[in-house]
Amino acid sequence: MIAFLLGVSLSFAAETPKPRLAVVIDDFGLTYPKDQPDEDWMKLSWPVTFAVMPESPRTRQAAARSKETGHELIIHFPFDPFLSLALPKDKASEEDLGKVRKLLEKSFDQILGPKGLNNHRSYKATKNAPLMAEFMKLLKPKGVYFLDSWVGPKSVAYAEARKAGIPAAVNSIFLDGTHEPKGRKAKDLKVLADAIAKDKAVCIRCLRTAAKLARKNGHSVAIGHHYFHGTYECLIEEVPKLQADGFEFVFASALAR
């Protein structure tokens, strides 16, 4: 009987899935001399999702290089304030839709073969249900998943993607400390100072929060930005530790449902 119970216990342990973490690195395409070099990110040995911005100086180059590495490529799509949008509450305006449609087509022309799309900033647009519903209609034929960056607590982007039948996921936390974790009761979600965002210690704290969420919920998504040396150094040091602790790192597409 003891041997039987031990066998059942070992079998259960073997079948228990590992908590999964998806790390997304935003803003590729927009690069400054003091940034962590793109090539350092491209050499990471564990799965990372790279979000490339359209209409940026190095958009095409960053997108092509991301695919060459075998990492996952997605479009980092800006609504507001990149686009000047009216955002009426009752119905998406034709002018807004025209601007969004034009940029979406440009994005797919400049960033070839993306697996998904997430939003860059877009605090106002992502809480506007009429625009998000219409945007998802434009996005669905592209055959990609949608990741809600969750830049504000009133975002309806994830919900509208699911309604449209698009596989979707939602960000849990920003690694650079730029926003509070999803679900936290914060009085405001203003962007923190650059000095804090660049701090490796902030990234370590946020990554550990993402790990706790993955341990609790089975998975989580954490978004960082390619500019920051501290974020890069944090991931280089902490990811192997988390892997050794039983966490599985996956592309964000693996968490879209």
C-alpha atoms as a PDB file:
ATOM      1  CA  MET A   1       0.000   0.000   0.000  1.00  0.00           C
ATOM      2  CA  ILE A   2       2.819   2.419   0.857  1.00  0.00           C
ATOM      3  CA  ALA A   3       4.522   1.625  -2.440  1.00  0.00           C
ATOM      4  CA  PHE A   4       1.227   2.172  -4.272  1.00  0.00           C
ATOM      5  CA  LEU A   5       0.591   5.541  -2.620  1.00  0.00           C
ATOM      6  CA  LEU A   6       4.168   6.587  -3.299  1.00  0.00           C
ATOM      7  CA  GLY A   7       3.701   5.688  -6.949  1.00  0.00           C
ATOM      8  CA  VAL A   8       0.491   7.697  -7.157  1.00  0.00           C
ATOM      9  CA  SER A   9       2.218  10.652  -5.492  1.00  0.00           C
ATOM     10  CA  LEU A  10       5.140  10.538  -7.907  1.00  0.00           C
ATOM     11  CA  SER A  11       2.797  10.198 -10.882  1.00  0.00           C
ATOM     12  CA  PHE A  12       0.781  13.220  -9.738  1.00  0.00           C
ATOM     13  CA  ALA A  13       3.946  15.268  -9.253  1.00  0.00           C
ATOM     14  CA  ALA A  14       5.130  14.344 -12.725  1.00  0.00           C
ATOM     15  CA  GLU A  15       1.839  15.446 -14.267  1.00  0.00           C
ATOM     16  CA  THR A  16       1.562  18.739 -12.399  1.00  0.00           C
ATOM     17  CA  PRO A  17       2.311  21.455 -14.956  1.00  0.00           C
ATOM     18  CA  LYS A  18       5.035  23.949 -14.257  1.00  0.00           C
ATOM     19  CA  PRO A  19       3.967  27.568 -13.684  1.00  0.00           C
ATOM     20  CA  ARG A  20       4.581  29.394 -16.952  1.00  0.00           C
ATOM     21  CA  LEU A  21       6.033  32.874 -17.415  1.00  0.00           C
ATOM     22  CA  ALA A  22       6.033  34.872 -20.648  1.00  0.00           C
ATOM     23  CA  VAL A  23       8.435  37.805 -20.880  1.00  0.00           C
ATOM     24  CA  VAL A  24       7.645  40.425 -23.520  1.00  0.00           C
ATOM     25  CA  ILE A  25      10.160  43.128 -24.394  1.00  0.00           C
ATOM     26  CA  ASP A  26       8.584  46.236 -25.929  1.00  0.00           C
ATOM     27  CA  ASP A  27       9.605  49.152 -28.144  1.00  0.00           C
ATOM     28  CA  PHE A  28      12.079  47.516 -30.517  1.00  0.00           C
ATOM     29  CA  GLY A  29      12.554  49.717 -33.562  1.00  0.00           C
ATOM     30  CA  LEU A  30      12.984  52.854 -31.474  1.00  0.00           C
ATOM     31  CA  THR A  31      16.600  52.877 -30.282  1.00  0.00           C
ATOM     32  CA  TYR A  32      18.944  55.376 -28.655  1.00  0.00           C
ATOM     33  CA  PRO A  33      22.755  55.189 -28.307  1.00  0.00           C
ATOM     34  CA  LYS A  34      22.703  54.611 -24.533  1.00  0.00           C
ATOM     35  CA  ASP A  35      20.186  51.743 -24.679  1.00  0.00           C
ATOM     36  CA  GLN A  36      21.016  48.128 -23.964  1.00  0.00           C
ATOM     37  CA  PRO A  37      22.109  46.948 -27.446  1.00  0.00           C
ATOM     38  CA  ASP A  38      19.424  45.080 -29.378  1.00  0.00           C
ATOM     39  CA  GLU A  39      21.845  42.291 -30.189  1.00  0.00           C
ATOM     40  CA  ASP A  40      22.203  41.473 -26.488  1.00  0.00           C
ATOM     41  CA  TRP A  41      18.468  40.839 -26.303  1.00  0.00           C
ATOM     42  CA  MET A  42      18.549  38.759 -29.467  1.00  0.00           C
ATOM     43  CA  LYS A  43      21.110  36.392 -27.916  1.00  0.00           C
ATOM     44  CA  LEU A  44      18.922  35.413 -24.958  1.00  0.00           C
ATOM     45  CA  SER A  45      18.747  31.623 -24.775  1.00  0.00           C
ATOM     46  CA  TRP A  46      15.224  31.237 -23.351  1.00  0.00           C
ATOM     47  CA  PRO A  47      11.940  32.095 -25.118  1.00  0.00           C
ATOM     48  CA  VAL A  48      11.234  35.834 -25.295  1.00  0.00           C
ATOM     49  CA  THR A  49       8.541  37.732 -27.192  1.00  0.00           C
ATOM     50  CA  PHE A  50       9.842  40.847 -28.945  1.00  0.00           C
ATOM     51  CA  ALA A  51       7.341  43.643 -29.643  1.00  0.00           C
ATOM     52  CA  VAL A  52       8.441  45.863 -32.540  1.00  0.00           C
ATOM     53  CA  MET A  53       6.982  49.325 -33.118  1.00  0.00           C
ATOM     54  CA  PRO A  54       5.851  50.361 -36.603  1.00  0.00           C
ATOM     55  CA  GLU A  55       6.915  53.651 -38.167  1.00  0.00           C
ATOM     56  CA  SER A  56      10.202  53.738 -36.228  1.00  0.00           C
ATOM     57  CA  PRO A  57      13.789  54.222 -37.489  1.00  0.00           C
ATOM     58  CA  ARG A  58      14.764  50.542 -37.103  1.00  0.00           C
ATOM     59  CA  THR A  59      11.370  48.840 -37.455  1.00  0.00           C
ATOM     60  CA  ARG A  60      12.163  46.576 -40.403  1.00  0.00           C
ATOM     61  CA  GLN A  61      15.648  45.718 -39.162  1.00  0.00           C
ATOM     62  CA  ALA A  62      14.485  44.863 -35.649  1.00  0.00           C
ATOM     63  CA  ALA A  63      11.586  42.765 -36.960  1.00  0.00           C
ATOM     64  CA  ALA A  64      13.793  40.776 -39.332  1.00  0.00           C
ATOM     65  CA  ARG A  65      16.453  40.200 -36.674  1.00  0.00           C
ATOM     66  CA  SER A  66      13.844  39.069 -34.129  1.00  0.00           C
ATOM     67  CA  LYS A  67      12.633  36.357 -36.489  1.00  0.00           C
ATOM     68  CA  GLU A  68      16.167  35.227 -37.309  1.00  0.00           C
ATOM     69  CA  THR A  69      16.838  34.475 -33.652  1.00  0.00           C
ATOM     70  CA  GLY A  70      13.882  32.113 -33.305  1.00  0.00           C
ATOM     71  CA  HIS A  71      12.253  34.308 -30.680  1.00  0.00           C
ATOM     72  CA  GLU A  72       8.627  35.392 -31.070  1.00  0.00           C
ATOM     73  CA  LEU A  73       7.815  38.542 -33.021  1.00  0.00           C
ATOM     74  CA  ILE A  74       4.734  40.673 -32.377  1.00  0.00           C
ATOM     75  CA  ILE A  75       3.607  44.143 -33.444  1.00  0.00           C
ATOM     76  CA  HIS A  76       3.718  46.845 -30.769  1.00  0.00           C
ATOM     77  CA  PHE A  77       0.745  48.887 -31.965  1.00  0.00           C
ATOM     78  CA  PRO A  78       0.171  52.488 -30.831  1.00  0.00           C
ATOM     79  CA  PHE A  79      -3.241  54.095 -30.665  1.00  0.00           C
ATOM     80  CA  ASP A  80      -3.175  57.303 -28.614  1.00  0.00           C
ATOM     81  CA  PRO A  81      -1.226  59.512 -28.260  1.00  0.00           C
ATOM     82  CA  PHE A  82       0.606  58.403 -31.448  1.00  0.00           C
ATOM     83  CA  LEU A  83      -2.672  58.804 -33.328  1.00  0.00           C
ATOM     84  CA  SER A  84      -4.960  61.755 -32.690  1.00  0.00           C
ATOM     85  CA  LEU A  85      -8.293  60.040 -31.997  1.00  0.00           C
ATOM     86  CA  ALA A  86     -11.702  61.502 -31.136  1.00  0.00           C
ATOM     87  CA  LEU A  87     -12.835  58.335 -29.283  1.00  0.00           C
ATOM     88  CA  PRO A  88     -16.585  58.993 -28.980  1.00  0.00           C
ATOM     89  CA  LYS A  89     -18.186  56.820 -26.310  1.00  0.00           C
ATOM     90  CA  ASP A  90     -21.214  55.598 -28.253  1.00  0.00           C
ATOM     91  CA  LYS A  91     -19.762  54.573 -31.635  1.00  0.00           C
ATOM     92  CA  ALA A  92     -16.315  54.468 -33.233  1.00  0.00           C
ATOM     93  CA  SER A  93     -15.906  57.376 -35.623  1.00  0.00           C
ATOM     94  CA  GLU A  94     -15.098  56.722 -39.285  1.00  0.00           C
ATOM     95  CA  GLU A  95     -12.166  59.113 -39.012  1.00  0.00           C
ATOM     96  CA  ASP A  96     -10.701  57.175 -36.082  1.00  0.00           C
ATOM     97  CA  LEU A  97     -11.211  53.880 -37.891  1.00  0.00           C
ATOM     98  CA  GLY A  98      -9.528  55.240 -40.985  1.00  0.00           C
ATOM     99  CA  LYS A  99      -6.439  56.220 -39.013  1.00  0.00           C
ATOM    100  CA  VAL A 100      -6.294  52.913 -37.165  1.00  0.00           C
ATOM    101  CA  ARG A 101      -6.854  50.864 -40.327  1.00  0.00           C
ATOM    102  CA  LYS A 102      -4.108  52.726 -42.186  1.00  0.00           C
ATOM    103  CA  LEU A 103      -1.576  52.221 -39.387  1.00  0.00           C
ATOM    104  CA  LEU A 104      -2.539  48.565 -38.995  1.00  0.00           C
ATOM    105  CA  GLU A 105      -1.855  47.889 -42.667  1.00  0.00           C
ATOM    106  CA  LYS A 106       1.446  49.747 -42.456  1.00  0.00           C
ATOM    107  CA  SER A 107       2.373  47.701 -39.414  1.00  0.00           C
ATOM    108  CA  PHE A 108       1.868  44.397 -41.196  1.00  0.00           C
ATOM    109  CA  ASP A 109       3.781  45.707 -44.207  1.00  0.00           C
ATOM    110  CA  GLN A 110       6.760  46.812 -42.089  1.00  0.00           C
ATOM    111  CA  ILE A 111       6.758  43.924 -39.581  1.00  0.00           C
ATOM    112  CA  LEU A 112       6.559  40.700 -41.559  1.00  0.00           C
ATOM    113  CA  GLY A 113       5.240  37.454 -40.109  1.00  0.00           C
ATOM    114  CA  PRO A 114       4.215  38.548 -36.609  1.00  0.00           C
ATOM    115  CA  LYS A 115       2.546  36.031 -34.323  1.00  0.00           C
ATOM    116  CA  GLY A 116       0.622  38.617 -32.351  1.00  0.00           C
ATOM    117  CA  LEU A 117       0.028  42.256 -31.483  1.00  0.00           C
ATOM    118  CA  ASN A 118       0.051  44.237 -28.246  1.00  0.00           C
ATOM    119  CA  ASN A 119      -0.726  47.860 -27.536  1.00  0.00           C
ATOM    120  CA  HIS A 120       1.869  50.572 -26.994  1.00  0.00           C
ATOM    121  CA  ARG A 121       0.595  52.976 -24.342  1.00  0.00           C
ATOM    122  CA  SER A 122      -2.952  53.758 -25.606  1.00  0.00           C
ATOM    123  CA  TYR A 123      -4.487  54.440 -22.202  1.00  0.00           C
ATOM    124  CA  LYS A 124      -7.535  56.198 -23.668  1.00  0.00           C
ATOM    125  CA  ALA A 125      -8.110  53.940 -26.663  1.00  0.00           C
ATOM    126  CA  THR A 126      -7.968  50.660 -24.761  1.00  0.00           C
ATOM    127  CA  LYS A 127     -10.813  51.717 -22.457  1.00  0.00           C
ATOM    128  CA  ASN A 128     -12.984  52.806 -25.409  1.00  0.00           C
ATOM    129  CA  ALA A 129     -15.200  49.798 -26.135  1.00  0.00           C
ATOM    130  CA  PRO A 130     -16.541  50.966 -29.523  1.00  0.00           C
ATOM    131  CA  LEU A 131     -13.052  51.453 -30.969  1.00  0.00           C
ATOM    132  CA  MET A 132     -11.680  48.258 -29.469  1.00  0.00           C
ATOM    133  CA  ALA A 133     -14.599  46.243 -30.867  1.00  0.00           C
ATOM    134  CA  GLU A 134     -14.028  47.648 -34.353  1.00  0.00           C
ATOM    135  CA  PHE A 135     -10.278  47.224 -34.103  1.00  0.00           C
ATOM    136  CA  MET A 136     -10.649  43.549 -33.273  1.00  0.00           C
ATOM    137  CA  LYS A 137     -12.767  43.125 -36.411  1.00  0.00           C
ATOM    138  CA  LEU A 138      -9.838  44.512 -38.405  1.00  0.00           C
ATOM    139  CA  LEU A 139      -7.328  42.369 -36.552  1.00  0.00           C
ATOM    140  CA  LYS A 140      -9.104  39.000 -36.678  1.00  0.00           C
ATOM    141  CA  PRO A 141      -8.460  38.291 -40.403  1.00  0.00           C
ATOM    142  CA  LYS A 142      -4.731  38.748 -39.755  1.00  0.00           C
ATOM    143  CA  GLY A 143      -4.675  35.454 -37.837  1.00  0.00           C
ATOM    144  CA  VAL A 144      -2.639  36.720 -34.882  1.00  0.00           C
ATOM    145  CA  TYR A 145      -3.223  36.771 -31.136  1.00  0.00           C
ATOM    146  CA  PHE A 146      -3.744  39.905 -29.056  1.00  0.00           C
ATOM    147  CA  LEU A 147      -1.932  40.811 -25.845  1.00  0.00           C
ATOM    148  CA  ASP A 148      -3.541  43.520 -23.740  1.00  0.00           C
ATOM    149  CA  SER A 149      -0.623  45.452 -22.244  1.00  0.00           C
ATOM    150  CA  TRP A 150      -3.032  46.569 -19.502  1.00  0.00           C
ATOM    151  CA  VAL A 151      -1.834  50.143 -19.236  1.00  0.00           C
ATOM    152  CA  GLY A 152      -4.863  51.095 -17.183  1.00  0.00           C
ATOM    153  CA  PRO A 153      -7.438  49.356 -14.966  1.00  0.00           C
ATOM    154  CA  LYS A 154     -10.339  50.204 -17.288  1.00  0.00           C
ATOM    155  CA  SER A 155      -8.937  48.519 -20.383  1.00  0.00           C
ATOM    156  CA  VAL A 156     -11.532  46.535 -22.342  1.00  0.00           C
ATOM    157  CA  ALA A 157      -9.110  45.429 -25.065  1.00  0.00           C
ATOM    158  CA  TYR A 158      -8.718  41.862 -23.789  1.00  0.00           C
ATOM    159  CA  ALA A 159     -12.470  41.436 -23.382  1.00  0.00           C
ATOM    160  CA  GLU A 160     -13.172  42.752 -26.890  1.00  0.00           C
ATOM    161  CA  ALA A 161     -10.527  40.462 -28.386  1.00  0.00           C
ATOM    162  CA  ARG A 162     -12.170  37.461 -26.735  1.00  0.00           C
ATOM    163  CA  LYS A 163     -15.603  38.581 -27.962  1.00  0.00           C
ATOM    164  CA  ALA A 164     -14.206  38.743 -31.491  1.00  0.00           C
ATOM    165  CA  GLY A 165     -12.857  35.211 -31.219  1.00  0.00           C
ATOM    166  CA  ILE A 166      -9.213  36.284 -31.170  1.00  0.00           C
ATOM    167  CA  PRO A 167      -6.834  34.320 -28.906  1.00  0.00           C
ATOM    168  CA  ALA A 168      -5.834  36.796 -26.217  1.00  0.00           C
ATOM    169  CA  ALA A 169      -3.731  37.250 -23.110  1.00  0.00           C
ATOM    170  CA  VAL A 170      -3.254  40.081 -20.644  1.00  0.00           C
ATOM    171  CA  ASN A 171      -0.166  41.577 -19.051  1.00  0.00           C
ATOM    172  CA  SER A 172       0.281  41.070 -15.320  1.00  0.00           C
ATOM    173  CA  ILE A 173       3.088  43.511 -14.527  1.00  0.00           C
ATOM    174  CA  PHE A 174       5.641  45.864 -16.087  1.00  0.00           C
ATOM    175  CA  LEU A 175       9.171  44.776 -15.242  1.00  0.00           C
ATOM    176  CA  ASP A 176      10.512  48.315 -15.352  1.00  0.00           C
ATOM    177  CA  GLY A 177       8.155  49.428 -12.619  1.00  0.00           C
ATOM    178  CA  THR A 178       6.226  51.599 -15.042  1.00  0.00           C
ATOM    179  CA  HIS A 179       2.843  50.369 -13.850  1.00  0.00           C
ATOM    180  CA  GLU A 180       1.393  48.518 -10.893  1.00  0.00           C
ATOM    181  CA  PRO A 181       0.467  44.820 -11.290  1.00  0.00           C
ATOM    182  CA  LYS A 182      -2.907  43.958 -12.777  1.00  0.00           C
ATOM    183  CA  GLY A 183      -5.525  43.787 -10.067  1.00  0.00           C
ATOM    184  CA  ARG A 184      -3.672  45.811  -7.449  1.00  0.00           C
ATOM    185  CA  LYS A 185      -5.741  48.553  -5.827  1.00  0.00           C
ATOM    186  CA  ALA A 186      -3.670  51.581  -6.753  1.00  0.00           C
ATOM    187  CA  LYS A 187      -4.886  55.153  -6.590  1.00  0.00           C
ATOM    188  CA  ASP A 188      -3.153  55.976  -9.846  1.00  0.00           C
ATOM    189  CA  LEU A 189      -1.054  54.279 -12.525  1.00  0.00           C
ATOM    190  CA  LYS A 190       1.197  57.149 -13.567  1.00  0.00           C
ATOM    191  CA  VAL A 191       4.507  56.283 -15.168  1.00  0.00           C
ATOM    192  CA  LEU A 192       7.322  56.303 -12.622  1.00  0.00           C
ATOM    193  CA  ALA A 193      10.509  58.318 -12.998  1.00  0.00           C
ATOM    194  CA  ASP A 194      13.101  57.068 -15.493  1.00  0.00           C
ATOM    195  CA  ALA A 195      15.610  56.652 -12.689  1.00  0.00           C
ATOM    196  CA  ILE A 196      13.346  54.091 -11.034  1.00  0.00           C
ATOM    197  CA  ALA A 197      12.463  52.356 -14.283  1.00  0.00           C
ATOM    198  CA  LYS A 198      16.136  51.741 -15.029  1.00  0.00           C
ATOM    199  CA  ASP A 199      16.862  50.221 -11.626  1.00  0.00           C
ATOM    200  CA  LYS A 200      17.685  46.492 -11.683  1.00  0.00           C
ATOM    201  CA  ALA A 201      16.237  46.115  -8.201  1.00  0.00           C
ATOM    202  CA  VAL A 202      12.841  47.290  -9.476  1.00  0.00           C
ATOM    203  CA  CYS A 203      12.912  44.658 -12.201  1.00  0.00           C
ATOM    204  CA  ILE A 204      13.868  41.919  -9.748  1.00  0.00           C
ATOM    205  CA  ARG A 205      10.983  42.868  -7.469  1.00  0.00           C
ATOM    206  CA  CYS A 206       8.524  42.950 -10.379  1.00  0.00           C
ATOM    207  CA  LEU A 207       9.764  39.674 -11.884  1.00  0.00           C
ATOM    208  CA  ARG A 208       9.351  37.959  -8.526  1.00  0.00           C
ATOM    209  CA  THR A 209       5.822  39.334  -8.346  1.00  0.00           C
ATOM    210  CA  ALA A 210       5.167  37.866 -11.795  1.00  0.00           C
ATOM    211  CA  ALA A 211       6.518  34.528 -10.547  1.00  0.00           C
ATOM    212  CA  LYS A 212       4.175  34.602  -7.548  1.00  0.00           C
ATOM    213  CA  LEU A 213       1.242  35.275  -9.862  1.00  0.00           C
ATOM    214  CA  ALA A 214       2.316  32.392 -12.099  1.00  0.00           C
ATOM    215  CA  ARG A 215       2.617  30.123  -9.090  1.00  0.00           C
ATOM    216  CA  LYS A 216      -0.889  31.110  -7.993  1.00  0.00           C
ATOM    217  CA  ASN A 217      -2.657  31.200 -11.367  1.00  0.00           C
ATOM    218  CA  GLY A 218      -0.553  28.813 -13.429  1.00  0.00           C
ATOM    219  CA  HIS A 219       0.851  31.524 -15.680  1.00  0.00           C
ATOM    220  CA  SER A 220       1.611  35.237 -15.993  1.00  0.00           C
ATOM    221  CA  VAL A 221       2.903  37.757 -18.498  1.00  0.00           C
ATOM    222  CA  ALA A 222       5.553  40.357 -17.674  1.00  0.00           C
ATOM    223  CA  ILE A 223       6.421  43.248 -20.003  1.00  0.00           C
ATOM    224  CA  GLY A 224       9.732  45.118 -20.040  1.00  0.00           C
ATOM    225  CA  HIS A 225      11.402  47.591 -22.363  1.00  0.00           C
ATOM    226  CA  HIS A 226      14.547  47.074 -24.380  1.00  0.00           C
ATOM    227  CA  TYR A 227      16.075  50.424 -23.402  1.00  0.00           C
ATOM    228  CA  PHE A 228      17.059  49.574 -19.863  1.00  0.00           C
ATOM    229  CA  HIS A 229      20.352  47.979 -18.823  1.00  0.00           C
ATOM    230  CA  GLY A 230      18.870  47.186 -15.420  1.00  0.00           C
ATOM    231  CA  THR A 231      16.019  45.180 -16.944  1.00  0.00           C
ATOM    232  CA  TYR A 232      18.437  43.178 -19.085  1.00  0.00           C
ATOM    233  CA  GLU A 233      20.789  42.471 -16.193  1.00  0.00           C
ATOM    234  CA  CYS A 234      17.872  41.491 -13.977  1.00  0.00           C
ATOM    235  CA  LEU A 235      16.613  38.925 -16.473  1.00  0.00           C
ATOM    236  CA  ILE A 236      20.072  37.497 -17.128  1.00  0.00           C
ATOM    237  CA  GLU A 237      20.492  36.893 -13.401  1.00  0.00           C
ATOM    238  CA  GLU A 238      16.981  35.940 -12.325  1.00  0.00           C
ATOM    239  CA  VAL A 239      15.598  33.790 -15.151  1.00  0.00           C
ATOM    240  CA  PRO A 240      18.025  30.877 -14.574  1.00  0.00           C
ATOM    241  CA  LYS A 241      17.127  30.951 -10.870  1.00  0.00           C
ATOM    242  CA  LEU A 242      13.417  30.776 -11.665  1.00  0.00           C
ATOM    243  CA  GLN A 243      13.971  27.979 -14.164  1.00  0.00           C
ATOM    244  CA  ALA A 244      15.853  26.036 -11.510  1.00  0.00           C
ATOM    245  CA  ASP A 245      12.924  26.677  -9.176  1.00  0.00           C
ATOM    246  CA  GLY A 246      10.524  24.987 -11.567  1.00  0.00           C
ATOM    247  CA  PHE A 247       9.207  27.848 -13.719  1.00  0.00           C
ATOM    248  CA  GLU A 248       8.842  27.407 -17.464  1.00  0.00           C
ATOM    249  CA  PHE A 249       9.482  30.414 -19.721  1.00  0.00           C
ATOM    250  CA  VAL A 250       7.294  30.490 -22.823  1.00  0.00           C
ATOM    251  CA  PHE A 251       6.316  32.799 -25.658  1.00  0.00           C
ATOM    252  CA  ALA A 252       3.288  34.971 -24.950  1.00  0.00           C
ATOM    253  CA  SER A 253       1.372  33.091 -27.627  1.00  0.00           C
ATOM    254  CA  ALA A 254       1.418  30.015 -25.370  1.00  0.00           C
ATOM    255  CA  LEU A 255      -0.747  31.893 -22.864  1.00  0.00           C
ATOM    256  CA  ALA A 256      -3.266  33.308 -25.357  1.00  0.00           C
ATOM    257  CA  ARG A 257      -6.666  31.635 -25.181  1.00  0.00           C
END
